[in-house]
Amino acid sequence: MATTIDQRTKIVIHGVTYPVDPRDMTAEEIREHLFLPDEADIEVLDHQDEGDLTEVGISWAEGVDGKVVLDHIRRIIQERMVRIV
């Protein structure tokens, strides 16, 4: 599990699940897991030594429309976020 941050909108999504530790995944594997297009760049920031969770940052190419960004964020929340019942 990791905190996922969209750099354009500054939306922070806590509790995004990953099949393995995101630090052990390639950017392409993360992109596929989060349903992201090639226009999204991935950066994994490791804060484990500071006692914090790992952060996965998503940056977008300048030409990507804001609606596209929000649609992808919505899908990540719907399909990859931990559900508490």
PDB file of N, CA and C in Angstrom:
ATOM      1  N   MET A   1       0.845  -1.161   0.000  1.00  0.00           N
ATOM      2  CA  MET A   1       0.000   0.000   0.000  1.00  0.00           C
ATOM      3  C   MET A   1       0.898   1.234   0.000  1.00  0.00           C
ATOM      4  N   ALA A   2       0.451   2.269  -0.687  1.00  0.00           N
ATOM      5  CA  ALA A   2       1.234   3.498  -0.751  1.00  0.00           C
ATOM      6  C   ALA A   2       0.306   4.689  -0.916  1.00  0.00           C
ATOM      7  N   THR A   3       0.803   5.849  -0.562  1.00  0.00           N
ATOM      8  CA  THR A   3       0.108   7.085  -0.841  1.00  0.00           C
ATOM      9  C   THR A   3       0.421   7.457  -2.286  1.00  0.00           C
ATOM     10  N   THR A   4      -0.601   7.805  -3.047  1.00  0.00           N
ATOM     11  CA  THR A   4      -0.413   8.154  -4.448  1.00  0.00           C
ATOM     12  C   THR A   4      -0.810   9.616  -4.628  1.00  0.00           C
ATOM     13  N   ILE A   5       0.078  10.396  -5.250  1.00  0.00           N
ATOM     14  CA  ILE A   5      -0.111  11.843  -5.364  1.00  0.00           C
ATOM     15  C   ILE A   5      -0.105  12.240  -6.826  1.00  0.00           C
ATOM     16  N   ASP A   6      -1.161  12.946  -7.243  1.00  0.00           N
ATOM     17  CA  ASP A   6      -1.194  13.489  -8.588  1.00  0.00           C
ATOM     18  C   ASP A   6      -0.589  14.885  -8.540  1.00  0.00           C
ATOM     19  N   GLN A   7       0.507  15.083  -9.260  1.00  0.00           N
ATOM     20  CA  GLN A   7       1.245  16.344  -9.199  1.00  0.00           C
ATOM     21  C   GLN A   7       0.492  17.523  -9.813  1.00  0.00           C
ATOM     22  N   ARG A   8      -0.340  17.253 -10.812  1.00  0.00           N
ATOM     23  CA  ARG A   8      -1.038  18.361 -11.457  1.00  0.00           C
ATOM     24  C   ARG A   8      -2.162  18.910 -10.580  1.00  0.00           C
ATOM     25  N   THR A   9      -2.979  18.018 -10.053  1.00  0.00           N
ATOM     26  CA  THR A   9      -4.144  18.455  -9.276  1.00  0.00           C
ATOM     27  C   THR A   9      -3.843  18.584  -7.793  1.00  0.00           C
ATOM     28  N   LYS A  10      -2.722  18.016  -7.362  1.00  0.00           N
ATOM     29  CA  LYS A  10      -2.319  17.953  -5.951  1.00  0.00           C
ATOM     30  C   LYS A  10      -3.263  17.077  -5.127  1.00  0.00           C
ATOM     31  N   ILE A  11      -4.006  16.190  -5.800  1.00  0.00           N
ATOM     32  CA  ILE A  11      -4.875  15.246  -5.099  1.00  0.00           C
ATOM     33  C   ILE A  11      -4.008  14.134  -4.520  1.00  0.00           C
ATOM     34  N   VAL A  12      -4.216  13.859  -3.242  1.00  0.00           N
ATOM     35  CA  VAL A  12      -3.486  12.805  -2.543  1.00  0.00           C
ATOM     36  C   VAL A  12      -4.464  11.668  -2.277  1.00  0.00           C
ATOM     37  N   ILE A  13      -4.108  10.472  -2.719  1.00  0.00           N
ATOM     38  CA  ILE A  13      -4.964   9.307  -2.532  1.00  0.00           C
ATOM     39  C   ILE A  13      -4.258   8.375  -1.558  1.00  0.00           C
ATOM     40  N   HIS A  14      -4.796   8.267  -0.346  1.00  0.00           N
ATOM     41  CA  HIS A  14      -4.211   7.390   0.662  1.00  0.00           C
ATOM     42  C   HIS A  14      -4.780   5.988   0.488  1.00  0.00           C
ATOM     43  N   GLY A  15      -3.981   4.976   0.744  1.00  0.00           N
ATOM     44  CA  GLY A  15      -4.468   3.601   0.749  1.00  0.00           C
ATOM     45  C   GLY A  15      -4.606   2.968  -0.613  1.00  0.00           C
ATOM     46  N   VAL A  16      -3.764   3.351  -1.558  1.00  0.00           N
ATOM     47  CA  VAL A  16      -3.779   2.699  -2.874  1.00  0.00           C
ATOM     48  C   VAL A  16      -3.016   1.378  -2.747  1.00  0.00           C
ATOM     49  N   THR A  17      -3.643   0.304  -3.193  1.00  0.00           N
ATOM     50  CA  THR A  17      -3.028  -1.011  -3.083  1.00  0.00           C
ATOM     51  C   THR A  17      -2.184  -1.317  -4.317  1.00  0.00           C
ATOM     52  N   TYR A  18      -1.108  -2.032  -4.098  1.00  0.00           N
ATOM     53  CA  TYR A  18      -0.214  -2.484  -5.160  1.00  0.00           C
ATOM     54  C   TYR A  18       0.033  -3.969  -4.952  1.00  0.00           C
ATOM     55  N   PRO A  19       0.277  -4.725  -6.028  1.00  0.00           N
ATOM     56  CA  PRO A  19       0.473  -6.170  -5.883  1.00  0.00           C
ATOM     57  C   PRO A  19       1.744  -6.528  -5.106  1.00  0.00           C
ATOM     58  N   VAL A  20       2.733  -5.672  -5.182  1.00  0.00           N
ATOM     59  CA  VAL A  20       3.972  -5.809  -4.407  1.00  0.00           C
ATOM     60  C   VAL A  20       4.372  -4.405  -3.974  1.00  0.00           C
ATOM     61  N   ASP A  21       5.401  -4.307  -3.179  1.00  0.00           N
ATOM     62  CA  ASP A  21       5.891  -3.002  -2.752  1.00  0.00           C
ATOM     63  C   ASP A  21       6.204  -2.166  -3.992  1.00  0.00           C
ATOM     64  N   PRO A  22       5.645  -0.950  -4.115  1.00  0.00           N
ATOM     65  CA  PRO A  22       5.899  -0.142  -5.308  1.00  0.00           C
ATOM     66  C   PRO A  22       7.373   0.177  -5.537  1.00  0.00           C
ATOM     67  N   ARG A  23       8.183   0.095  -4.485  1.00  0.00           N
ATOM     68  CA  ARG A  23       9.618   0.322  -4.642  1.00  0.00           C
ATOM     69  C   ARG A  23      10.263  -0.776  -5.468  1.00  0.00           C
ATOM     70  N   ASP A  24       9.590  -1.943  -5.541  1.00  0.00           N
ATOM     71  CA  ASP A  24      10.108  -3.076  -6.299  1.00  0.00           C
ATOM     72  C   ASP A  24       9.486  -3.185  -7.692  1.00  0.00           C
ATOM     73  N   MET A  25       8.672  -2.214  -8.066  1.00  0.00           N
ATOM     74  CA  MET A  25       7.999  -2.231  -9.369  1.00  0.00           C
ATOM     75  C   MET A  25       8.658  -1.223 -10.313  1.00  0.00           C
ATOM     76  N   THR A  26       8.610  -1.518 -11.600  1.00  0.00           N
ATOM     77  CA  THR A  26       9.086  -0.547 -12.584  1.00  0.00           C
ATOM     78  C   THR A  26       8.000   0.498 -12.800  1.00  0.00           C
ATOM     79  N   ALA A  27       8.382   1.616 -13.396  1.00  0.00           N
ATOM     80  CA  ALA A  27       7.403   2.662 -13.711  1.00  0.00           C
ATOM     81  C   ALA A  27       6.315   2.112 -14.633  1.00  0.00           C
ATOM     82  N   GLU A  28       6.701   1.256 -15.573  1.00  0.00           N
ATOM     83  CA  GLU A  28       5.723   0.668 -16.494  1.00  0.00           C
ATOM     84  C   GLU A  28       4.739  -0.239 -15.760  1.00  0.00           C
ATOM     85  N   GLU A  29       5.229  -1.017 -14.815  1.00  0.00           N
ATOM     86  CA  GLU A  29       4.335  -1.881 -14.026  1.00  0.00           C
ATOM     87  C   GLU A  29       3.350  -1.055 -13.209  1.00  0.00           C
ATOM     88  N   ILE A  30       3.824   0.023 -12.616  1.00  0.00           N
ATOM     89  CA  ILE A  30       2.939   0.909 -11.850  1.00  0.00           C
ATOM     90  C   ILE A  30       1.930   1.563 -12.779  1.00  0.00           C
ATOM     91  N   ARG A  31       2.403   2.036 -13.925  1.00  0.00           N
ATOM     92  CA  ARG A  31       1.512   2.680 -14.902  1.00  0.00           C
ATOM     93  C   ARG A  31       0.382   1.721 -15.300  1.00  0.00           C
ATOM     94  N   GLU A  32       0.720   0.476 -15.588  1.00  0.00           N
ATOM     95  CA  GLU A  32      -0.302  -0.517 -15.952  1.00  0.00           C
ATOM     96  C   GLU A  32      -1.252  -0.794 -14.786  1.00  0.00           C
ATOM     97  N   HIS A  33      -0.708  -0.923 -13.593  1.00  0.00           N
ATOM     98  CA  HIS A  33      -1.529  -1.214 -12.416  1.00  0.00           C
ATOM     99  C   HIS A  33      -2.530  -0.097 -12.137  1.00  0.00           C
ATOM    100  N   LEU A  34      -2.127   1.138 -12.403  1.00  0.00           N
ATOM    101  CA  LEU A  34      -2.993   2.291 -12.132  1.00  0.00           C
ATOM    102  C   LEU A  34      -3.771   2.749 -13.364  1.00  0.00           C
ATOM    103  N   PHE A  35      -3.722   1.956 -14.441  1.00  0.00           N
ATOM    104  CA  PHE A  35      -4.478   2.248 -15.666  1.00  0.00           C
ATOM    105  C   PHE A  35      -4.054   3.561 -16.321  1.00  0.00           C
ATOM    106  N   LEU A  36      -2.799   3.925 -16.229  1.00  0.00           N
ATOM    107  CA  LEU A  36      -2.338   5.220 -16.727  1.00  0.00           C
ATOM    108  C   LEU A  36      -1.766   5.111 -18.141  1.00  0.00           C
ATOM    109  N   PRO A  37      -1.969   6.155 -18.951  1.00  0.00           N
ATOM    110  CA  PRO A  37      -1.406   6.165 -20.300  1.00  0.00           C
ATOM    111  C   PRO A  37       0.083   6.524 -20.273  1.00  0.00           C
ATOM    112  N   ASP A  38       0.712   6.435 -21.435  1.00  0.00           N
ATOM    113  CA  ASP A  38       2.144   6.762 -21.541  1.00  0.00           C
ATOM    114  C   ASP A  38       2.447   8.216 -21.204  1.00  0.00           C
ATOM    115  N   GLU A  39       1.447   9.078 -21.275  1.00  0.00           N
ATOM    116  CA  GLU A  39       1.653  10.505 -20.980  1.00  0.00           C
ATOM    117  C   GLU A  39       1.835  10.778 -19.491  1.00  0.00           C
ATOM    118  N   ALA A  40       1.690   9.750 -18.668  1.00  0.00           N
ATOM    119  CA  ALA A  40       1.869   9.900 -17.221  1.00  0.00           C
ATOM    120  C   ALA A  40       3.250   9.385 -16.834  1.00  0.00           C
ATOM    121  N   ASP A  41       3.999  10.204 -16.117  1.00  0.00           N
ATOM    122  CA  ASP A  41       5.301   9.798 -15.591  1.00  0.00           C
ATOM    123  C   ASP A  41       5.136   9.388 -14.130  1.00  0.00           C
ATOM    124  N   ILE A  42       5.885   8.382 -13.722  1.00  0.00           N
ATOM    125  CA  ILE A  42       5.793   7.831 -12.377  1.00  0.00           C
ATOM    126  C   ILE A  42       7.102   8.070 -11.640  1.00  0.00           C
ATOM    127  N   GLU A  43       6.997   8.485 -10.377  1.00  0.00           N
ATOM    128  CA  GLU A  43       8.172   8.626  -9.525  1.00  0.00           C
ATOM    129  C   GLU A  43       7.832   8.024  -8.163  1.00  0.00           C
ATOM    130  N   VAL A  44       8.649   7.093  -7.703  1.00  0.00           N
ATOM    131  CA  VAL A  44       8.441   6.455  -6.410  1.00  0.00           C
ATOM    132  C   VAL A  44       9.386   7.096  -5.405  1.00  0.00           C
ATOM    133  N   LEU A  45       8.809   7.635  -4.332  1.00  0.00           N
ATOM    134  CA  LEU A  45       9.590   8.265  -3.271  1.00  0.00           C
ATOM    135  C   LEU A  45       9.512   7.383  -2.033  1.00  0.00           C
ATOM    136  N   ASP A  46      10.649   6.936  -1.562  1.00  0.00           N
ATOM    137  CA  ASP A  46      10.720   6.009  -0.435  1.00  0.00           C
ATOM    138  C   ASP A  46      10.928   6.788   0.861  1.00  0.00           C
ATOM    139  N   HIS A  47       9.912   6.743   1.731  1.00  0.00           N
ATOM    140  CA  HIS A  47      10.005   7.425   3.027  1.00  0.00           C
ATOM    141  C   HIS A  47       9.983   6.426   4.186  1.00  0.00           C
ATOM    142  N   GLN A  48      10.270   5.156   3.894  1.00  0.00           N
ATOM    143  CA  GLN A  48      10.218   4.116   4.916  1.00  0.00           C
ATOM    144  C   GLN A  48      11.183   4.409   6.069  1.00  0.00           C
ATOM    145  N   ASP A  49      12.362   4.935   5.761  1.00  0.00           N
ATOM    146  CA  ASP A  49      13.334   5.190   6.817  1.00  0.00           C
ATOM    147  C   ASP A  49      12.912   6.339   7.725  1.00  0.00           C
ATOM    148  N   GLU A  50      11.960   7.160   7.272  1.00  0.00           N
ATOM    149  CA  GLU A  50      11.430   8.256   8.077  1.00  0.00           C
ATOM    150  C   GLU A  50      10.166   7.837   8.816  1.00  0.00           C
ATOM    151  N   GLY A  51       9.765   6.571   8.655  1.00  0.00           N
ATOM    152  CA  GLY A  51       8.575   6.080   9.323  1.00  0.00           C
ATOM    153  C   GLY A  51       7.288   6.335   8.556  1.00  0.00           C
ATOM    154  N   ASP A  52       7.389   6.847   7.339  1.00  0.00           N
ATOM    155  CA  ASP A  52       6.216   7.135   6.526  1.00  0.00           C
ATOM    156  C   ASP A  52       6.061   6.093   5.434  1.00  0.00           C
ATOM    157  N   LEU A  53       4.890   6.056   4.844  1.00  0.00           N
ATOM    158  CA  LEU A  53       4.645   5.152   3.717  1.00  0.00           C
ATOM    159  C   LEU A  53       5.364   5.632   2.474  1.00  0.00           C
ATOM    160  N   THR A  54       5.499   4.742   1.547  1.00  0.00           N
ATOM    161  CA  THR A  54       6.052   5.077   0.242  1.00  0.00           C
ATOM    162  C   THR A  54       5.054   5.958  -0.505  1.00  0.00           C
ATOM    163  N   GLU A  55       5.562   6.925  -1.265  1.00  0.00           N
ATOM    164  CA  GLU A  55       4.711   7.776  -2.094  1.00  0.00           C
ATOM    165  C   GLU A  55       4.958   7.455  -3.558  1.00  0.00           C
ATOM    166  N   VAL A  56       3.886   7.388  -4.328  1.00  0.00           N
ATOM    167  CA  VAL A  56       3.975   7.222  -5.770  1.00  0.00           C
ATOM    168  C   VAL A  56       3.452   8.516  -6.382  1.00  0.00           C
ATOM    169  N   GLY A  57       4.325   9.244  -7.059  1.00  0.00           N
ATOM    170  CA  GLY A  57       3.939  10.503  -7.680  1.00  0.00           C
ATOM    171  C   GLY A  57       3.610  10.310  -9.150  1.00  0.00           C
ATOM    172  N   ILE A  58       2.533  10.946  -9.589  1.00  0.00           N
ATOM    173  CA  ILE A  58       2.120  10.885 -10.993  1.00  0.00           C
ATOM    174  C   ILE A  58       2.229  12.288 -11.575  1.00  0.00           C
ATOM    175  N   SER A  59       2.998  12.428 -12.637  1.00  0.00           N
ATOM    176  CA  SER A  59       3.105  13.700 -13.364  1.00  0.00           C
ATOM    177  C   SER A  59       2.568  13.475 -14.769  1.00  0.00           C
ATOM    178  N   TRP A  60       2.014  14.517 -15.353  1.00  0.00           N
ATOM    179  CA  TRP A  60       1.378  14.403 -16.665  1.00  0.00           C
ATOM    180  C   TRP A  60       2.062  15.293 -17.689  1.00  0.00           C
ATOM    181  N   ALA A  61       2.084  14.837 -18.942  1.00  0.00           N
ATOM    182  CA  ALA A  61       2.582  15.665 -20.038  1.00  0.00           C
ATOM    183  C   ALA A  61       1.707  16.912 -20.121  1.00  0.00           C
ATOM    184  N   GLU A  62       2.309  18.004 -20.520  1.00  0.00           N
ATOM    185  CA  GLU A  62       1.615  19.290 -20.525  1.00  0.00           C
ATOM    186  C   GLU A  62       0.342  19.292 -21.379  1.00  0.00           C
ATOM    187  N   GLY A  63       0.328  18.547 -22.467  1.00  0.00           N
ATOM    188  CA  GLY A  63      -0.818  18.561 -23.373  1.00  0.00           C
ATOM    189  C   GLY A  63      -2.001  17.727 -22.935  1.00  0.00           C
ATOM    190  N   VAL A  64      -1.894  17.006 -21.808  1.00  0.00           N
ATOM    191  CA  VAL A  64      -2.993  16.151 -21.352  1.00  0.00           C
ATOM    192  C   VAL A  64      -4.068  17.015 -20.705  1.00  0.00           C
ATOM    193  N   ASP A  65      -5.306  16.830 -21.149  1.00  0.00           N
ATOM    194  CA  ASP A  65      -6.449  17.597 -20.663  1.00  0.00           C
ATOM    195  C   ASP A  65      -6.743  17.281 -19.193  1.00  0.00           C
ATOM    196  N   GLY A  66      -7.161  18.281 -18.444  1.00  0.00           N
ATOM    197  CA  GLY A  66      -7.482  18.107 -17.028  1.00  0.00           C
ATOM    198  C   GLY A  66      -8.571  17.083 -16.772  1.00  0.00           C
ATOM    199  N   LYS A  67      -9.540  16.992 -17.664  1.00  0.00           N
ATOM    200  CA  LYS A  67     -10.615  16.008 -17.506  1.00  0.00           C
ATOM    201  C   LYS A  67     -10.048  14.593 -17.584  1.00  0.00           C
ATOM    202  N   VAL A  68      -9.099  14.373 -18.467  1.00  0.00           N
ATOM    203  CA  VAL A  68      -8.458  13.058 -18.591  1.00  0.00           C
ATOM    204  C   VAL A  68      -7.764  12.703 -17.274  1.00  0.00           C
ATOM    205  N   VAL A  69      -7.064  13.676 -16.701  1.00  0.00           N
ATOM    206  CA  VAL A  69      -6.367  13.466 -15.430  1.00  0.00           C
ATOM    207  C   VAL A  69      -7.370  13.064 -14.349  1.00  0.00           C
ATOM    208  N   LEU A  70      -8.453  13.812 -14.228  1.00  0.00           N
ATOM    209  CA  LEU A  70      -9.452  13.525 -13.201  1.00  0.00           C
ATOM    210  C   LEU A  70     -10.138  12.183 -13.425  1.00  0.00           C
ATOM    211  N   ASP A  71     -10.380  11.824 -14.684  1.00  0.00           N
ATOM    212  CA  ASP A  71     -10.970  10.509 -14.981  1.00  0.00           C
ATOM    213  C   ASP A  71     -10.060   9.382 -14.503  1.00  0.00           C
ATOM    214  N   HIS A  72      -8.751   9.538 -14.694  1.00  0.00           N
ATOM    215  CA  HIS A  72      -7.803   8.515 -14.245  1.00  0.00           C
ATOM    216  C   HIS A  72      -7.742   8.464 -12.718  1.00  0.00           C
ATOM    217  N   ILE A  73      -7.781   9.610 -12.076  1.00  0.00           N
ATOM    218  CA  ILE A  73      -7.770   9.638 -10.613  1.00  0.00           C
ATOM    219  C   ILE A  73      -9.018   8.943 -10.071  1.00  0.00           C
ATOM    220  N   ARG A  74     -10.155   9.208 -10.669  1.00  0.00           N
ATOM    221  CA  ARG A  74     -11.406   8.572 -10.253  1.00  0.00           C
ATOM    222  C   ARG A  74     -11.296   7.048 -10.372  1.00  0.00           C
ATOM    223  N   ARG A  75     -10.729   6.575 -11.462  1.00  0.00           N
ATOM    224  CA  ARG A  75     -10.600   5.122 -11.661  1.00  0.00           C
ATOM    225  C   ARG A  75      -9.650   4.503 -10.632  1.00  0.00           C
ATOM    226  N   ILE A  76      -8.555   5.187 -10.330  1.00  0.00           N
ATOM    227  CA  ILE A  76      -7.633   4.689  -9.299  1.00  0.00           C
ATOM    228  C   ILE A  76      -8.376   4.560  -7.967  1.00  0.00           C
ATOM    229  N   ILE A  77      -9.141   5.569  -7.605  1.00  0.00           N
ATOM    230  CA  ILE A  77      -9.883   5.540  -6.343  1.00  0.00           C
ATOM    231  C   ILE A  77     -10.897   4.397  -6.344  1.00  0.00           C
ATOM    232  N   GLN A  78     -11.607   4.232  -7.436  1.00  0.00           N
ATOM    233  CA  GLN A  78     -12.642   3.199  -7.501  1.00  0.00           C
ATOM    234  C   GLN A  78     -12.072   1.789  -7.483  1.00  0.00           C
ATOM    235  N   GLU A  79     -10.945   1.578  -8.136  1.00  0.00           N
ATOM    236  CA  GLU A  79     -10.481   0.208  -8.345  1.00  0.00           C
ATOM    237  C   GLU A  79      -9.239  -0.188  -7.554  1.00  0.00           C
ATOM    238  N   ARG A  80      -8.493   0.764  -7.034  1.00  0.00           N
ATOM    239  CA  ARG A  80      -7.231   0.405  -6.381  1.00  0.00           C
ATOM    240  C   ARG A  80      -7.107   0.897  -4.937  1.00  0.00           C
ATOM    241  N   MET A  81      -8.121   1.522  -4.416  1.00  0.00           N
ATOM    242  CA  MET A  81      -8.042   2.037  -3.051  1.00  0.00           C
ATOM    243  C   MET A  81      -8.559   0.988  -2.071  1.00  0.00           C
ATOM    244  N   VAL A  82      -7.956   0.917  -0.883  1.00  0.00           N
ATOM    245  CA  VAL A  82      -8.378  -0.005   0.150  1.00  0.00           C
ATOM    246  C   VAL A  82      -9.787   0.381   0.601  1.00  0.00           C
ATOM    247  N   ARG A  83     -10.639  -0.615   0.711  1.00  0.00           N
ATOM    248  CA  ARG A  83     -12.014  -0.391   1.169  1.00  0.00           C
ATOM    249  C   ARG A  83     -12.110  -0.771   2.653  1.00  0.00           C
ATOM    250  N   ILE A  84     -12.620   0.113   3.457  1.00  0.00           N
ATOM    251  CA  ILE A  84     -12.834  -0.164   4.863  1.00  0.00           C
ATOM    252  C   ILE A  84     -14.333  -0.328   5.083  1.00  0.00           C
ATOM    253  N   VAL A  85     -14.712  -1.470   5.588  1.00  0.00           N
ATOM    254  CA  VAL A  85     -16.146  -1.731   5.823  1.00  0.00           C
ATOM    255  C   VAL A  85     -16.456  -1.877   7.287  1.00  0.00           C
TER     256      VAL A  85
END
